[in-house]
N, C-alpha and C. Protein backbone atom coordinates (compact mmCIF):
# COMPACT_ATOMS: atom_id res chain seq x y z
N MET A 1 37.73 -27.30 8.46
CA MET A 1 36.84 -26.62 7.54
C MET A 1 35.56 -27.44 7.40
N THR A 2 34.42 -26.76 7.41
CA THR A 2 33.14 -27.46 7.30
C THR A 2 32.65 -27.44 5.87
N ASP A 3 32.03 -28.52 5.50
CA ASP A 3 31.44 -28.63 4.17
C ASP A 3 30.14 -27.83 4.18
N ALA A 4 30.04 -26.84 3.31
CA ALA A 4 28.85 -25.97 3.27
C ALA A 4 27.59 -26.75 2.96
N SER A 5 27.70 -27.87 2.27
CA SER A 5 26.50 -28.63 1.92
C SER A 5 25.92 -29.35 3.13
N THR A 6 26.74 -29.63 4.16
CA THR A 6 26.21 -30.33 5.33
C THR A 6 26.05 -29.39 6.52
N SER A 7 26.66 -28.23 6.47
CA SER A 7 26.56 -27.28 7.57
C SER A 7 25.23 -26.54 7.49
N ASP A 8 24.57 -26.40 8.62
CA ASP A 8 23.29 -25.69 8.64
C ASP A 8 23.29 -24.68 9.78
N SER A 9 24.41 -24.02 9.96
CA SER A 9 24.51 -23.10 11.09
C SER A 9 23.87 -21.75 10.80
N HIS A 10 23.71 -21.41 9.54
CA HIS A 10 23.13 -20.10 9.21
C HIS A 10 21.61 -20.20 9.14
N ASP A 11 20.96 -19.25 9.76
CA ASP A 11 19.51 -19.20 9.82
C ASP A 11 18.98 -18.36 8.65
N ILE A 12 18.74 -18.99 7.53
CA ILE A 12 18.26 -18.29 6.34
C ILE A 12 16.89 -17.67 6.59
N THR A 13 16.00 -18.40 7.25
CA THR A 13 14.66 -17.87 7.53
C THR A 13 14.76 -16.60 8.37
N GLY A 14 15.60 -16.61 9.39
CA GLY A 14 15.80 -15.42 10.21
C GLY A 14 16.35 -14.26 9.40
N SER A 15 17.29 -14.56 8.50
CA SER A 15 17.87 -13.51 7.65
C SER A 15 16.83 -12.91 6.72
N VAL A 16 15.97 -13.75 6.16
CA VAL A 16 14.89 -13.27 5.29
C VAL A 16 13.95 -12.36 6.08
N VAL A 17 13.56 -12.79 7.27
CA VAL A 17 12.66 -11.98 8.09
C VAL A 17 13.31 -10.64 8.44
N ARG A 18 14.58 -10.66 8.83
CA ARG A 18 15.26 -9.40 9.17
C ARG A 18 15.30 -8.45 7.97
N ALA A 19 15.59 -8.98 6.79
CA ALA A 19 15.62 -8.13 5.59
C ALA A 19 14.25 -7.51 5.32
N LEU A 20 13.20 -8.31 5.44
CA LEU A 20 11.85 -7.79 5.20
C LEU A 20 11.45 -6.77 6.26
N VAL A 21 11.83 -7.00 7.50
CA VAL A 21 11.55 -6.02 8.56
C VAL A 21 12.27 -4.71 8.27
N LEU A 22 13.50 -4.78 7.78
CA LEU A 22 14.24 -3.56 7.45
C LEU A 22 13.56 -2.78 6.33
N TYR A 23 13.01 -3.48 5.33
CA TYR A 23 12.27 -2.78 4.27
C TYR A 23 11.03 -2.09 4.86
N SER A 24 10.32 -2.80 5.74
CA SER A 24 9.14 -2.21 6.38
C SER A 24 9.55 -1.07 7.31
N LEU A 25 10.68 -1.21 7.98
CA LEU A 25 11.17 -0.15 8.87
C LEU A 25 11.49 1.12 8.08
N ALA A 26 12.01 0.97 6.86
CA ALA A 26 12.26 2.14 6.02
C ALA A 26 10.95 2.87 5.71
N GLU A 27 9.89 2.12 5.52
CA GLU A 27 8.57 2.72 5.28
C GLU A 27 8.10 3.47 6.53
N PHE A 28 8.36 2.91 7.71
CA PHE A 28 8.05 3.57 8.98
C PHE A 28 8.88 4.85 9.13
N GLN A 29 10.16 4.76 8.87
CA GLN A 29 11.05 5.90 9.05
C GLN A 29 10.73 7.04 8.09
N SER A 30 10.12 6.72 6.96
CA SER A 30 9.74 7.78 6.02
C SER A 30 8.35 8.35 6.35
N GLY A 31 7.76 7.87 7.44
CA GLY A 31 6.49 8.42 7.90
C GLY A 31 5.25 7.80 7.27
N HIS A 32 5.39 6.65 6.64
CA HIS A 32 4.25 6.04 5.93
C HIS A 32 3.70 4.79 6.61
N SER A 33 4.27 4.38 7.72
CA SER A 33 3.86 3.15 8.37
C SER A 33 3.91 3.34 9.88
N THR A 34 3.06 2.63 10.61
CA THR A 34 3.08 2.69 12.07
C THR A 34 3.25 1.32 12.71
N THR A 35 2.96 0.25 11.95
CA THR A 35 2.92 -1.08 12.54
C THR A 35 3.58 -2.10 11.61
N ILE A 36 4.34 -3.00 12.21
CA ILE A 36 4.93 -4.14 11.49
C ILE A 36 4.54 -5.40 12.27
N ARG A 37 4.02 -6.37 11.54
CA ARG A 37 3.63 -7.66 12.14
C ARG A 37 4.48 -8.77 11.53
N VAL A 38 5.15 -9.52 12.39
CA VAL A 38 6.02 -10.60 11.96
C VAL A 38 5.50 -11.90 12.54
N ASN A 39 5.37 -12.91 11.70
CA ASN A 39 5.07 -14.27 12.15
C ASN A 39 6.11 -15.16 11.51
N ALA A 40 6.68 -16.05 12.33
CA ALA A 40 7.70 -16.95 11.81
C ALA A 40 7.78 -18.20 12.66
N ALA A 41 7.95 -19.32 11.99
CA ALA A 41 8.13 -20.62 12.66
C ALA A 41 8.76 -21.57 11.64
N GLU A 42 9.69 -22.37 12.13
CA GLU A 42 10.38 -23.33 11.27
C GLU A 42 11.00 -22.61 10.07
N ARG A 43 10.52 -22.89 8.84
CA ARG A 43 11.05 -22.23 7.65
C ARG A 43 10.04 -21.26 7.04
N SER A 44 8.89 -21.08 7.69
CA SER A 44 7.83 -20.21 7.15
C SER A 44 7.83 -18.85 7.85
N PHE A 45 7.38 -17.84 7.12
CA PHE A 45 7.40 -16.47 7.65
C PHE A 45 6.33 -15.63 6.99
N SER A 46 6.01 -14.51 7.66
CA SER A 46 5.13 -13.49 7.11
C SER A 46 5.53 -12.17 7.75
N VAL A 47 5.72 -11.14 6.94
CA VAL A 47 6.02 -9.80 7.43
C VAL A 47 5.02 -8.86 6.77
N GLU A 48 4.29 -8.13 7.61
CA GLU A 48 3.23 -7.24 7.12
C GLU A 48 3.46 -5.84 7.69
N ASP A 49 3.26 -4.83 6.85
CA ASP A 49 3.29 -3.45 7.34
C ASP A 49 2.06 -2.72 6.85
N ASP A 50 1.82 -1.57 7.45
CA ASP A 50 0.67 -0.74 7.05
C ASP A 50 1.14 0.51 6.32
N GLY A 51 2.18 0.35 5.52
CA GLY A 51 2.74 1.46 4.74
C GLY A 51 1.92 1.74 3.49
N ARG A 52 2.58 2.30 2.49
CA ARG A 52 1.90 2.70 1.25
C ARG A 52 1.55 1.53 0.35
N GLY A 53 2.26 0.43 0.49
CA GLY A 53 2.06 -0.71 -0.41
C GLY A 53 2.89 -0.52 -1.67
N HIS A 54 3.35 -1.63 -2.23
CA HIS A 54 4.13 -1.58 -3.47
C HIS A 54 3.37 -0.83 -4.57
N ALA A 55 4.11 -0.27 -5.49
CA ALA A 55 3.51 0.40 -6.66
C ALA A 55 2.96 -0.66 -7.59
N ILE A 56 1.66 -0.79 -7.62
CA ILE A 56 1.00 -1.84 -8.40
C ILE A 56 1.04 -1.54 -9.90
N GLU A 57 0.88 -0.27 -10.26
CA GLU A 57 0.73 0.10 -11.66
C GLU A 57 2.05 0.38 -12.38
N ARG A 58 3.15 0.47 -11.66
CA ARG A 58 4.43 0.84 -12.26
C ARG A 58 4.96 -0.26 -13.19
N THR A 59 5.64 0.16 -14.27
CA THR A 59 6.24 -0.78 -15.21
C THR A 59 7.72 -0.46 -15.41
N VAL A 60 8.47 -1.47 -15.84
CA VAL A 60 9.88 -1.33 -16.20
C VAL A 60 9.99 -1.91 -17.61
N ALA A 61 10.39 -1.08 -18.56
CA ALA A 61 10.50 -1.50 -19.96
C ALA A 61 9.24 -2.21 -20.43
N GLY A 62 8.07 -1.71 -20.00
CA GLY A 62 6.80 -2.26 -20.44
C GLY A 62 6.33 -3.49 -19.67
N SER A 63 7.11 -3.96 -18.71
CA SER A 63 6.73 -5.12 -17.90
C SER A 63 6.40 -4.67 -16.48
N PRO A 64 5.55 -5.42 -15.78
CA PRO A 64 5.18 -5.03 -14.42
C PRO A 64 6.41 -4.91 -13.51
N TYR A 65 6.52 -3.79 -12.84
CA TYR A 65 7.63 -3.49 -11.94
C TYR A 65 7.81 -4.57 -10.87
N LEU A 66 6.71 -5.00 -10.25
CA LEU A 66 6.83 -5.98 -9.17
C LEU A 66 7.34 -7.32 -9.66
N LYS A 67 6.95 -7.72 -10.85
CA LYS A 67 7.50 -8.96 -11.40
C LYS A 67 9.01 -8.80 -11.58
N PHE A 68 9.42 -7.64 -12.04
CA PHE A 68 10.84 -7.36 -12.21
C PHE A 68 11.56 -7.39 -10.87
N VAL A 69 11.02 -6.71 -9.87
CA VAL A 69 11.67 -6.62 -8.56
C VAL A 69 11.84 -7.99 -7.92
N TYR A 70 10.87 -8.85 -8.09
CA TYR A 70 10.92 -10.16 -7.43
C TYR A 70 11.61 -11.24 -8.26
N THR A 71 11.90 -10.96 -9.53
CA THR A 71 12.52 -12.00 -10.37
C THR A 71 13.69 -11.50 -11.21
N HIS A 72 14.18 -10.29 -11.02
CA HIS A 72 15.11 -9.71 -11.98
C HIS A 72 16.48 -10.36 -12.01
N LEU A 73 16.79 -11.30 -11.12
CA LEU A 73 18.07 -12.00 -11.22
C LEU A 73 18.17 -12.75 -12.54
N ASP A 74 17.03 -13.17 -13.07
CA ASP A 74 17.04 -13.85 -14.37
C ASP A 74 16.06 -13.20 -15.35
N TYR A 75 15.76 -11.93 -15.14
CA TYR A 75 14.80 -11.24 -16.01
C TYR A 75 15.44 -10.95 -17.36
N PRO A 76 14.72 -11.12 -18.45
CA PRO A 76 15.33 -11.03 -19.79
C PRO A 76 15.47 -9.61 -20.35
N PHE A 77 16.16 -8.74 -19.65
CA PHE A 77 16.44 -7.42 -20.18
C PHE A 77 17.87 -7.38 -20.67
N ALA A 78 18.07 -6.80 -21.83
CA ALA A 78 19.43 -6.56 -22.31
C ALA A 78 19.99 -5.40 -21.51
N PRO A 79 21.31 -5.33 -21.31
CA PRO A 79 21.89 -4.24 -20.52
C PRO A 79 21.45 -2.85 -20.98
N ALA A 80 21.31 -2.63 -22.26
CA ALA A 80 20.90 -1.31 -22.77
C ALA A 80 19.46 -0.99 -22.38
N GLN A 81 18.66 -2.01 -22.10
CA GLN A 81 17.26 -1.80 -21.75
C GLN A 81 17.05 -1.66 -20.25
N GLY A 82 18.09 -1.84 -19.47
CA GLY A 82 17.96 -1.79 -18.02
C GLY A 82 17.34 -0.48 -17.58
N ALA A 83 16.44 -0.57 -16.64
CA ALA A 83 15.78 0.62 -16.12
C ALA A 83 16.13 0.76 -14.65
N GLN A 84 16.09 1.98 -14.16
CA GLN A 84 16.40 2.20 -12.75
C GLN A 84 15.35 1.52 -11.89
N ILE A 85 15.83 0.87 -10.86
CA ILE A 85 14.94 0.28 -9.86
C ILE A 85 15.47 0.68 -8.50
N GLN A 86 14.64 0.53 -7.51
CA GLN A 86 15.09 0.82 -6.16
C GLN A 86 16.05 -0.27 -5.72
N LEU A 87 16.94 0.05 -4.79
CA LEU A 87 17.94 -0.88 -4.32
C LEU A 87 17.33 -2.16 -3.77
N GLN A 88 16.12 -2.09 -3.20
CA GLN A 88 15.52 -3.28 -2.62
C GLN A 88 15.28 -4.37 -3.65
N GLY A 89 15.29 -4.06 -4.92
CA GLY A 89 15.01 -5.05 -5.94
C GLY A 89 15.90 -6.27 -5.86
N ILE A 90 17.19 -6.10 -5.68
CA ILE A 90 18.08 -7.25 -5.59
C ILE A 90 17.75 -8.09 -4.37
N GLY A 91 17.45 -7.44 -3.25
CA GLY A 91 17.10 -8.18 -2.04
C GLY A 91 15.83 -8.98 -2.20
N MET A 92 14.82 -8.40 -2.80
CA MET A 92 13.56 -9.10 -2.99
C MET A 92 13.73 -10.28 -3.95
N SER A 93 14.54 -10.10 -4.98
CA SER A 93 14.81 -11.20 -5.91
C SER A 93 15.53 -12.34 -5.21
N LEU A 94 16.48 -12.00 -4.35
CA LEU A 94 17.20 -13.04 -3.61
C LEU A 94 16.28 -13.75 -2.63
N ILE A 95 15.43 -13.00 -1.94
CA ILE A 95 14.48 -13.62 -1.02
C ILE A 95 13.60 -14.60 -1.80
N ASN A 96 13.10 -14.18 -2.95
CA ASN A 96 12.27 -15.06 -3.77
C ASN A 96 13.04 -16.31 -4.19
N ALA A 97 14.31 -16.13 -4.56
CA ALA A 97 15.13 -17.27 -5.00
C ALA A 97 15.39 -18.26 -3.87
N LEU A 98 15.38 -17.80 -2.63
CA LEU A 98 15.62 -18.67 -1.47
C LEU A 98 14.38 -19.45 -1.03
N CYS A 99 13.22 -19.03 -1.54
CA CYS A 99 11.95 -19.62 -1.08
C CYS A 99 11.40 -20.62 -2.07
N CYS A 100 10.83 -21.71 -1.54
CA CYS A 100 10.13 -22.65 -2.42
C CYS A 100 8.77 -22.07 -2.80
N GLU A 101 8.23 -21.21 -1.94
CA GLU A 101 6.99 -20.50 -2.25
C GLU A 101 7.03 -19.13 -1.60
N LEU A 102 6.47 -18.15 -2.27
CA LEU A 102 6.44 -16.78 -1.77
C LEU A 102 5.16 -16.13 -2.27
N THR A 103 4.48 -15.41 -1.39
CA THR A 103 3.29 -14.66 -1.77
C THR A 103 3.50 -13.20 -1.38
N VAL A 104 3.25 -12.32 -2.32
CA VAL A 104 3.38 -10.88 -2.12
C VAL A 104 1.99 -10.28 -2.27
N THR A 105 1.53 -9.59 -1.23
CA THR A 105 0.25 -8.91 -1.29
C THR A 105 0.51 -7.42 -1.08
N ALA A 106 0.18 -6.63 -2.09
CA ALA A 106 0.33 -5.17 -2.02
C ALA A 106 -1.06 -4.56 -1.96
N ARG A 107 -1.34 -3.90 -0.84
CA ARG A 107 -2.64 -3.28 -0.64
C ARG A 107 -2.53 -1.78 -0.85
N ARG A 108 -3.29 -1.27 -1.80
CA ARG A 108 -3.40 0.17 -2.05
C ARG A 108 -4.84 0.56 -1.74
N GLN A 109 -5.13 1.87 -1.73
CA GLN A 109 -6.50 2.30 -1.40
C GLN A 109 -7.52 1.86 -2.43
N ASP A 110 -7.10 1.71 -3.68
CA ASP A 110 -8.06 1.38 -4.75
C ASP A 110 -7.93 -0.03 -5.30
N ALA A 111 -6.90 -0.77 -4.86
CA ALA A 111 -6.71 -2.11 -5.40
C ALA A 111 -5.74 -2.91 -4.52
N THR A 112 -5.84 -4.22 -4.65
CA THR A 112 -4.91 -5.14 -3.98
C THR A 112 -4.38 -6.09 -5.03
N LEU A 113 -3.06 -6.24 -5.05
CA LEU A 113 -2.40 -7.16 -5.97
C LEU A 113 -1.80 -8.30 -5.17
N ARG A 114 -2.09 -9.53 -5.58
CA ARG A 114 -1.51 -10.71 -4.94
C ARG A 114 -0.73 -11.48 -6.00
N MET A 115 0.55 -11.67 -5.72
CA MET A 115 1.43 -12.42 -6.63
C MET A 115 1.94 -13.65 -5.88
N SER A 116 1.89 -14.80 -6.53
CA SER A 116 2.40 -16.04 -5.94
C SER A 116 3.54 -16.57 -6.79
N PHE A 117 4.61 -16.97 -6.12
CA PHE A 117 5.79 -17.50 -6.77
C PHE A 117 6.04 -18.92 -6.26
N ARG A 118 6.50 -19.78 -7.14
CA ARG A 118 6.94 -21.13 -6.77
C ARG A 118 8.31 -21.32 -7.40
N GLY A 119 9.27 -21.72 -6.58
CA GLY A 119 10.61 -21.93 -7.10
C GLY A 119 11.19 -20.70 -7.76
N GLY A 120 10.81 -19.51 -7.31
CA GLY A 120 11.34 -18.27 -7.85
C GLY A 120 10.60 -17.72 -9.06
N SER A 121 9.66 -18.48 -9.60
CA SER A 121 8.92 -18.04 -10.80
C SER A 121 7.49 -17.65 -10.45
N LEU A 122 7.02 -16.61 -11.10
CA LEU A 122 5.64 -16.16 -10.90
C LEU A 122 4.70 -17.23 -11.43
N CYS A 123 3.79 -17.71 -10.58
CA CYS A 123 2.84 -18.73 -11.02
C CYS A 123 1.39 -18.24 -10.99
N ASP A 124 1.13 -17.14 -10.29
CA ASP A 124 -0.23 -16.61 -10.23
C ASP A 124 -0.17 -15.13 -9.85
N GLN A 125 -1.02 -14.36 -10.48
CA GLN A 125 -1.11 -12.93 -10.17
C GLN A 125 -2.56 -12.52 -10.29
N ARG A 126 -3.06 -11.88 -9.24
CA ARG A 126 -4.45 -11.44 -9.25
C ARG A 126 -4.56 -10.02 -8.74
N LEU A 127 -5.31 -9.21 -9.47
CA LEU A 127 -5.57 -7.84 -9.09
C LEU A 127 -7.03 -7.72 -8.69
N PHE A 128 -7.25 -7.25 -7.47
CA PHE A 128 -8.60 -7.05 -6.95
C PHE A 128 -8.83 -5.55 -6.88
N GLU A 129 -9.71 -5.04 -7.70
CA GLU A 129 -9.99 -3.60 -7.71
C GLU A 129 -11.12 -3.31 -6.75
N VAL A 130 -10.75 -3.19 -5.49
CA VAL A 130 -11.70 -2.90 -4.42
C VAL A 130 -11.12 -1.79 -3.55
N LYS A 131 -12.00 -0.97 -3.01
CA LYS A 131 -11.57 0.09 -2.09
C LYS A 131 -11.13 -0.55 -0.78
N SER A 132 -10.06 0.00 -0.22
CA SER A 132 -9.54 -0.53 1.03
C SER A 132 -9.12 0.62 1.93
N GLU A 133 -9.43 0.52 3.21
CA GLU A 133 -8.99 1.54 4.16
C GLU A 133 -7.53 1.32 4.52
N GLY A 134 -7.11 0.07 4.54
CA GLY A 134 -5.74 -0.25 4.93
C GLY A 134 -4.85 -0.44 3.71
N THR A 135 -3.63 0.06 3.82
CA THR A 135 -2.65 -0.12 2.76
C THR A 135 -1.43 -0.81 3.36
N GLY A 136 -0.53 -1.25 2.51
CA GLY A 136 0.70 -1.87 2.97
C GLY A 136 1.03 -3.12 2.19
N ASN A 137 2.06 -3.81 2.67
CA ASN A 137 2.51 -5.04 2.03
C ASN A 137 2.51 -6.18 3.02
N THR A 138 2.25 -7.36 2.51
CA THR A 138 2.46 -8.59 3.27
C THR A 138 3.27 -9.51 2.38
N ILE A 139 4.42 -9.95 2.89
CA ILE A 139 5.27 -10.88 2.17
C ILE A 139 5.35 -12.13 3.04
N SER A 140 4.92 -13.24 2.49
CA SER A 140 4.94 -14.49 3.26
C SER A 140 5.47 -15.60 2.38
N GLY A 141 6.06 -16.58 3.02
CA GLY A 141 6.60 -17.69 2.25
C GLY A 141 7.25 -18.75 3.12
N THR A 142 7.92 -19.65 2.43
CA THR A 142 8.64 -20.74 3.07
C THR A 142 10.01 -20.86 2.42
N VAL A 143 11.06 -20.81 3.24
CA VAL A 143 12.42 -20.98 2.74
C VAL A 143 12.58 -22.42 2.28
N ASP A 144 13.19 -22.60 1.12
CA ASP A 144 13.42 -23.92 0.55
C ASP A 144 14.31 -24.75 1.48
N SER A 145 13.94 -25.99 1.70
CA SER A 145 14.70 -26.85 2.62
C SER A 145 16.14 -27.10 2.17
N GLN A 146 16.43 -26.91 0.90
CA GLN A 146 17.82 -27.07 0.46
C GLN A 146 18.73 -25.99 1.02
N PHE A 147 18.14 -24.86 1.42
CA PHE A 147 18.92 -23.76 1.99
C PHE A 147 18.92 -23.76 3.51
N GLN A 148 17.89 -24.35 4.10
CA GLN A 148 17.82 -24.43 5.55
C GLN A 148 17.13 -25.73 5.94
N LYS A 149 17.91 -26.65 6.47
CA LYS A 149 17.37 -27.95 6.86
C LYS A 149 16.63 -27.85 8.19
N ARG A 150 17.19 -27.11 9.13
CA ARG A 150 16.57 -26.96 10.45
C ARG A 150 15.65 -25.75 10.44
N GLY A 151 14.85 -25.65 11.48
CA GLY A 151 13.92 -24.53 11.57
C GLY A 151 14.58 -23.23 12.03
N LEU A 152 13.77 -22.24 12.13
CA LEU A 152 14.14 -20.89 12.54
C LEU A 152 14.77 -20.89 13.93
N HIS A 153 15.79 -20.07 14.12
CA HIS A 153 16.36 -19.81 15.45
C HIS A 153 15.51 -18.71 16.08
N THR A 154 14.37 -19.10 16.62
CA THR A 154 13.36 -18.15 17.10
C THR A 154 13.92 -17.19 18.14
N GLN A 155 14.68 -17.68 19.10
CA GLN A 155 15.19 -16.82 20.17
C GLN A 155 16.13 -15.74 19.62
N LYS A 156 16.99 -16.10 18.67
CA LYS A 156 17.89 -15.10 18.08
C LYS A 156 17.10 -14.03 17.34
N LEU A 157 16.08 -14.45 16.58
CA LEU A 157 15.25 -13.48 15.86
C LEU A 157 14.51 -12.58 16.85
N GLN A 158 13.97 -13.16 17.89
CA GLN A 158 13.24 -12.37 18.88
C GLN A 158 14.16 -11.35 19.54
N GLN A 159 15.39 -11.73 19.85
CA GLN A 159 16.34 -10.79 20.45
C GLN A 159 16.62 -9.63 19.49
N TRP A 160 16.79 -9.95 18.20
CA TRP A 160 17.03 -8.90 17.21
C TRP A 160 15.82 -7.97 17.12
N LEU A 161 14.63 -8.56 17.08
CA LEU A 161 13.41 -7.76 16.98
C LEU A 161 13.22 -6.84 18.18
N LEU A 162 13.68 -7.25 19.35
CA LEU A 162 13.57 -6.39 20.54
C LEU A 162 14.37 -5.10 20.39
N GLU A 163 15.39 -5.12 19.57
CA GLU A 163 16.20 -3.92 19.36
C GLU A 163 15.51 -2.91 18.45
N VAL A 164 14.57 -3.35 17.64
CA VAL A 164 13.90 -2.45 16.70
C VAL A 164 13.09 -1.39 17.42
N PRO A 165 12.23 -1.75 18.40
CA PRO A 165 11.50 -0.69 19.11
C PRO A 165 12.41 0.20 19.95
N ALA A 166 13.58 -0.30 20.33
CA ALA A 166 14.52 0.54 21.07
C ALA A 166 15.00 1.70 20.19
N ALA A 167 15.18 1.43 18.90
CA ALA A 167 15.63 2.46 17.96
C ALA A 167 14.47 3.28 17.41
N SER A 168 13.26 2.72 17.44
CA SER A 168 12.07 3.39 16.89
C SER A 168 10.92 3.24 17.87
N PRO A 169 10.93 3.98 18.97
CA PRO A 169 9.96 3.76 20.05
C PRO A 169 8.49 3.91 19.66
N SER A 170 8.17 4.71 18.67
CA SER A 170 6.76 4.89 18.32
C SER A 170 6.24 3.79 17.38
N LEU A 171 7.12 2.92 16.89
CA LEU A 171 6.70 1.81 16.03
C LEU A 171 6.00 0.74 16.85
N LYS A 172 4.91 0.22 16.32
CA LYS A 172 4.24 -0.94 16.92
C LYS A 172 4.77 -2.16 16.17
N LEU A 173 5.43 -3.05 16.90
CA LEU A 173 6.03 -4.24 16.30
C LEU A 173 5.50 -5.47 17.02
N PHE A 174 5.00 -6.41 16.24
CA PHE A 174 4.45 -7.65 16.80
C PHE A 174 5.23 -8.84 16.26
N PHE A 175 5.50 -9.79 17.12
CA PHE A 175 6.17 -11.04 16.71
C PHE A 175 5.32 -12.21 17.20
N ASN A 176 4.84 -13.00 16.26
CA ASN A 176 3.97 -14.14 16.56
C ASN A 176 2.83 -13.74 17.51
N GLY A 177 2.21 -12.59 17.21
CA GLY A 177 1.04 -12.13 17.93
C GLY A 177 1.31 -11.32 19.18
N GLN A 178 2.56 -11.25 19.63
CA GLN A 178 2.90 -10.51 20.85
C GLN A 178 3.59 -9.20 20.50
N GLU A 179 3.13 -8.10 21.11
CA GLU A 179 3.79 -6.82 20.86
C GLU A 179 5.17 -6.82 21.50
N MET A 180 6.15 -6.35 20.74
CA MET A 180 7.53 -6.28 21.21
C MET A 180 7.77 -4.91 21.81
N HIS A 181 8.38 -4.87 22.97
CA HIS A 181 8.71 -3.61 23.64
C HIS A 181 10.21 -3.57 23.88
N ALA A 182 10.78 -2.39 23.71
CA ALA A 182 12.21 -2.23 23.97
C ALA A 182 12.48 -2.55 25.43
N PRO A 183 13.60 -3.20 25.70
CA PRO A 183 13.93 -3.49 27.10
C PRO A 183 14.08 -2.19 27.88
N SER A 184 13.51 -2.15 29.07
CA SER A 184 13.68 -0.96 29.92
C SER A 184 15.05 -0.99 30.57
N GLN A 185 15.48 0.13 31.10
CA GLN A 185 16.79 0.22 31.73
C GLN A 185 16.92 -0.80 32.86
N SER A 186 15.84 -1.10 33.57
CA SER A 186 15.92 -2.07 34.66
C SER A 186 16.09 -3.49 34.15
N ASP A 187 15.70 -3.74 32.86
CA ASP A 187 15.88 -5.07 32.28
C ASP A 187 17.30 -5.32 31.83
N VAL A 188 18.05 -4.23 31.60
CA VAL A 188 19.40 -4.36 31.04
C VAL A 188 20.40 -4.77 32.08
């Protein structure tokens, strides 16, 4: 049996990237996104899509929805005050909890919201009320070294990402600046 505190066989950074790609893929599958851009190295990552962008103005029990989604594991709501949230909320809170730093940028046509987290807590939030042609989300951060001592298993992540265009051929998917294409039958 291996001691979990010394074992580093699980690629947390890769798992975080895969979860974020799946959220962006849901936006693509609902017809709101065409492109996903992934950058990852060591323990750092960035996943960007050109979807609708998070709901900037939405609130939960009078508090900003996005703050709730990214921190609700320890959010101070009594059970009777709980409000419905999308299923992704638990995943985003866990991703935030795994990162020593996380930045969420939600681009809407009339505004851009940038939220910065350190150690799972919101440390900065800025709303830029400017017109934008592009919409979508960018989530970037660094997995805390206590959860992953070694860097990203880049080849495993790249292999997983190659399967995404196979299932969604019209999606444009980029990994570290290179467009990913589904393997052709001759490659298999």
